[in-house]
Amino acid sequence: MGDIIVKRVYDGGPFEGTAFLVDGMWPRGVRKDELERVRWVRDIAPSAELRRWFGHRPERFAEFRRRYREELDGEADTVQPLLEAARAGKVTLLYAARDTEHNNAVVLREYLRDRLAGPDG
């Protein structure tokens, strides 16, 4: 199993291993050619409703984490390519949020690690 790295897209590359943009919207000010080797998996992002509710408010992060993990449980087909890439080597999860500790990529990394460590991992 490879390492799963979480990195802010604005910090620039190169990105280690297989890189995935895990936001539902394309990051502002980033040209497509800057991320030409990055796979955008917008369907893995939190729902618009959950994202709006969270509003990047740290005091809501624990509940956001719980709700987002529930959403991920229902997205097995979308999660699978990330799990396969992580089994094969390093993976970088890219996000655009300013907060480096309270964002969907942090939750997604935890989720993937838990799935890889589980009985089917």
C-alpha atoms as a PDB file:
ATOM      1  CA  MET A   1       0.000   0.000   0.000  1.00  0.00           C
ATOM      2  CA  GLY A   2       1.310   3.420  -0.950  1.00  0.00           C
ATOM      3  CA  ASP A   3       1.235   6.660   0.942  1.00  0.00           C
ATOM      4  CA  ILE A   4      -1.780   8.966   0.583  1.00  0.00           C
ATOM      5  CA  ILE A   5      -0.728  12.609   0.473  1.00  0.00           C
ATOM      6  CA  VAL A   6      -3.079  15.562   0.824  1.00  0.00           C
ATOM      7  CA  LYS A   7      -1.930  18.738  -0.893  1.00  0.00           C
ATOM      8  CA  ARG A   8      -3.407  22.112  -1.682  1.00  0.00           C
ATOM      9  CA  VAL A   9      -3.595  22.496  -5.466  1.00  0.00           C
ATOM     10  CA  TYR A  10      -2.253  26.048  -5.257  1.00  0.00           C
ATOM     11  CA  ASP A  11       1.011  24.778  -3.764  1.00  0.00           C
ATOM     12  CA  GLY A  12       1.909  23.461  -7.227  1.00  0.00           C
ATOM     13  CA  GLY A  13       3.494  20.276  -8.454  1.00  0.00           C
ATOM     14  CA  PRO A  14       5.037  18.009  -9.183  1.00  0.00           C
ATOM     15  CA  PHE A  15       2.607  15.717  -7.411  1.00  0.00           C
ATOM     16  CA  GLU A  16       3.710  12.370  -6.052  1.00  0.00           C
ATOM     17  CA  GLY A  17       2.285   9.157  -7.479  1.00  0.00           C
ATOM     18  CA  THR A  18      -1.160   9.230  -9.011  1.00  0.00           C
ATOM     19  CA  ALA A  19      -2.776  12.626  -8.437  1.00  0.00           C
ATOM     20  CA  PHE A  20      -6.507  13.215  -8.098  1.00  0.00           C
ATOM     21  CA  LEU A  21      -8.325  16.543  -7.842  1.00  0.00           C
ATOM     22  CA  VAL A  22     -11.096  15.767  -5.341  1.00  0.00           C
ATOM     23  CA  ASP A  23     -13.111  18.994  -5.410  1.00  0.00           C
ATOM     24  CA  GLY A  24     -16.481  19.346  -7.086  1.00  0.00           C
ATOM     25  CA  MET A  25     -15.523  22.616  -8.759  1.00  0.00           C
ATOM     26  CA  TRP A  26     -12.396  23.421 -10.739  1.00  0.00           C
ATOM     27  CA  PRO A  27     -10.016  25.543  -8.630  1.00  0.00           C
ATOM     28  CA  ARG A  28     -10.106  29.246  -9.468  1.00  0.00           C
ATOM     29  CA  GLY A  29      -7.157  30.580 -11.359  1.00  0.00           C
ATOM     30  CA  VAL A  30      -5.721  27.155 -12.219  1.00  0.00           C
ATOM     31  CA  ARG A  31      -5.341  26.418 -15.918  1.00  0.00           C
ATOM     32  CA  LYS A  32      -6.284  22.954 -17.161  1.00  0.00           C
ATOM     33  CA  ASP A  33      -2.803  22.442 -18.592  1.00  0.00           C
ATOM     34  CA  GLU A  34      -1.307  22.946 -15.119  1.00  0.00           C
ATOM     35  CA  LEU A  35      -3.084  19.770 -14.034  1.00  0.00           C
ATOM     36  CA  GLU A  36      -2.901  17.799 -17.266  1.00  0.00           C
ATOM     37  CA  ARG A  37      -1.601  14.679 -15.480  1.00  0.00           C
ATOM     38  CA  VAL A  38      -4.150  14.968 -12.693  1.00  0.00           C
ATOM     39  CA  ARG A  39      -7.398  13.014 -12.751  1.00  0.00           C
ATOM     40  CA  TRP A  40     -10.386  15.113 -11.697  1.00  0.00           C
ATOM     41  CA  VAL A  41     -12.901  13.003  -9.761  1.00  0.00           C
ATOM     42  CA  ARG A  42     -15.539  15.620  -9.045  1.00  0.00           C
ATOM     43  CA  ASP A  43     -18.127  12.981  -8.099  1.00  0.00           C
ATOM     44  CA  ILE A  44     -16.111  12.099  -5.004  1.00  0.00           C
ATOM     45  CA  ALA A  45     -16.506  15.610  -3.595  1.00  0.00           C
ATOM     46  CA  PRO A  46     -19.081  16.262  -0.879  1.00  0.00           C
ATOM     47  CA  SER A  47     -22.577  17.040  -2.106  1.00  0.00           C
ATOM     48  CA  ALA A  48     -23.321  20.714  -2.757  1.00  0.00           C
ATOM     49  CA  GLU A  49     -25.773  20.644   0.146  1.00  0.00           C
ATOM     50  CA  LEU A  50     -23.176  19.274   2.576  1.00  0.00           C
ATOM     51  CA  ARG A  51     -20.511  21.659   1.314  1.00  0.00           C
ATOM     52  CA  ARG A  52     -22.788  24.672   1.805  1.00  0.00           C
ATOM     53  CA  TRP A  53     -23.803  23.492   5.282  1.00  0.00           C
ATOM     54  CA  PHE A  54     -20.166  22.996   6.344  1.00  0.00           C
ATOM     55  CA  GLY A  55     -19.017  26.361   4.982  1.00  0.00           C
ATOM     56  CA  HIS A  56     -15.444  25.501   6.084  1.00  0.00           C
ATOM     57  CA  ARG A  57     -16.395  26.247   9.691  1.00  0.00           C
ATOM     58  CA  PRO A  58     -13.980  24.257  11.891  1.00  0.00           C
ATOM     59  CA  GLU A  59     -16.579  23.832  14.639  1.00  0.00           C
ATOM     60  CA  ARG A  60     -18.702  21.818  12.173  1.00  0.00           C
ATOM     61  CA  PHE A  61     -15.852  19.605  10.983  1.00  0.00           C
ATOM     62  CA  ALA A  62     -16.640  16.554  13.138  1.00  0.00           C
ATOM     63  CA  GLU A  63     -20.211  16.448  11.836  1.00  0.00           C
ATOM     64  CA  PHE A  64     -19.025  17.200   8.303  1.00  0.00           C
ATOM     65  CA  ARG A  65     -16.628  14.247   8.562  1.00  0.00           C
ATOM     66  CA  ARG A  66     -19.443  11.927   9.662  1.00  0.00           C
ATOM     67  CA  ARG A  67     -21.831  13.057   6.915  1.00  0.00           C
ATOM     68  CA  TYR A  68     -19.199  13.016   4.179  1.00  0.00           C
ATOM     69  CA  ARG A  69     -18.109   9.494   5.113  1.00  0.00           C
ATOM     70  CA  GLU A  70     -21.755   8.423   4.801  1.00  0.00           C
ATOM     71  CA  GLU A  71     -21.844   9.929   1.323  1.00  0.00           C
ATOM     72  CA  LEU A  72     -18.626   8.115   0.406  1.00  0.00           C
ATOM     73  CA  ASP A  73     -20.140   4.813   1.556  1.00  0.00           C
ATOM     74  CA  GLY A  74     -22.721   5.294  -1.199  1.00  0.00           C
ATOM     75  CA  GLU A  75     -20.111   6.039  -3.880  1.00  0.00           C
ATOM     76  CA  ALA A  76     -18.293   2.690  -4.143  1.00  0.00           C
ATOM     77  CA  ASP A  77     -17.742   2.971  -7.907  1.00  0.00           C
ATOM     78  CA  THR A  78     -16.223   6.432  -7.528  1.00  0.00           C
ATOM     79  CA  VAL A  79     -14.013   5.465  -4.567  1.00  0.00           C
ATOM     80  CA  GLN A  80     -12.699   2.260  -6.180  1.00  0.00           C
ATOM     81  CA  PRO A  81     -10.153   3.844  -8.586  1.00  0.00           C
ATOM     82  CA  LEU A  82      -8.595   5.776  -5.705  1.00  0.00           C
ATOM     83  CA  LEU A  83      -8.343   2.619  -3.615  1.00  0.00           C
ATOM     84  CA  GLU A  84      -6.731   0.760  -6.515  1.00  0.00           C
ATOM     85  CA  ALA A  85      -4.231   3.570  -7.070  1.00  0.00           C
ATOM     86  CA  ALA A  86      -3.383   3.616  -3.348  1.00  0.00           C
ATOM     87  CA  ARG A  87      -2.835  -0.150  -3.359  1.00  0.00           C
ATOM     88  CA  ALA A  88      -0.417   0.280  -6.265  1.00  0.00           C
ATOM     89  CA  GLY A  89       1.629   3.182  -4.913  1.00  0.00           C
ATOM     90  CA  LYS A  90       1.570   6.789  -3.768  1.00  0.00           C
ATOM     91  CA  VAL A  91      -1.529   8.904  -4.257  1.00  0.00           C
ATOM     92  CA  THR A  92      -1.882  12.674  -3.976  1.00  0.00           C
ATOM     93  CA  LEU A  93      -5.317  14.119  -3.186  1.00  0.00           C
ATOM     94  CA  LEU A  94      -5.542  17.729  -4.352  1.00  0.00           C
ATOM     95  CA  TYR A  95      -7.985  20.280  -2.959  1.00  0.00           C
ATOM     96  CA  ALA A  96      -8.424  24.054  -3.185  1.00  0.00           C
ATOM     97  CA  ALA A  97      -9.645  25.031   0.302  1.00  0.00           C
ATOM     98  CA  ARG A  98      -7.533  27.446   2.339  1.00  0.00           C
ATOM     99  CA  ASP A  99      -7.880  25.445   5.536  1.00  0.00           C
ATOM    100  CA  THR A 100      -5.338  22.639   5.412  1.00  0.00           C
ATOM    101  CA  GLU A 101      -6.815  20.740   8.377  1.00  0.00           C
ATOM    102  CA  HIS A 102     -10.575  20.980   7.860  1.00  0.00           C
ATOM    103  CA  ASN A 103     -11.423  19.980   4.303  1.00  0.00           C
ATOM    104  CA  ASN A 104     -12.850  17.121   2.263  1.00  0.00           C
ATOM    105  CA  ALA A 105      -9.443  15.790   1.160  1.00  0.00           C
ATOM    106  CA  VAL A 106      -8.430  15.208   4.789  1.00  0.00           C
ATOM    107  CA  VAL A 107     -11.611  13.210   5.379  1.00  0.00           C
ATOM    108  CA  LEU A 108     -11.180  11.332   2.114  1.00  0.00           C
ATOM    109  CA  ARG A 109      -7.614  10.332   3.049  1.00  0.00           C
ATOM    110  CA  GLU A 110      -8.869   8.976   6.399  1.00  0.00           C
ATOM    111  CA  TYR A 111     -11.670   7.135   4.622  1.00  0.00           C
ATOM    112  CA  LEU A 112      -9.337   5.555   2.071  1.00  0.00           C
ATOM    113  CA  ARG A 113      -6.847   4.534   4.754  1.00  0.00           C
ATOM    114  CA  ASP A 114      -9.629   2.937   6.791  1.00  0.00           C
ATOM    115  CA  ARG A 115     -10.907   1.044   3.749  1.00  0.00           C
ATOM    116  CA  LEU A 116      -7.390  -0.156   2.867  1.00  0.00           C
ATOM    117  CA  ALA A 117      -6.754  -1.300   6.433  1.00  0.00           C
ATOM    118  CA  GLY A 118     -10.103  -3.096   6.694  1.00  0.00           C
ATOM    119  CA  PRO A 119     -10.765  -6.793   6.055  1.00  0.00           C
ATOM    120  CA  ASP A 120     -11.202  -6.218   2.295  1.00  0.00           C
ATOM    121  CA  GLY A 121      -8.209  -3.816   2.083  1.00  0.00           C
END
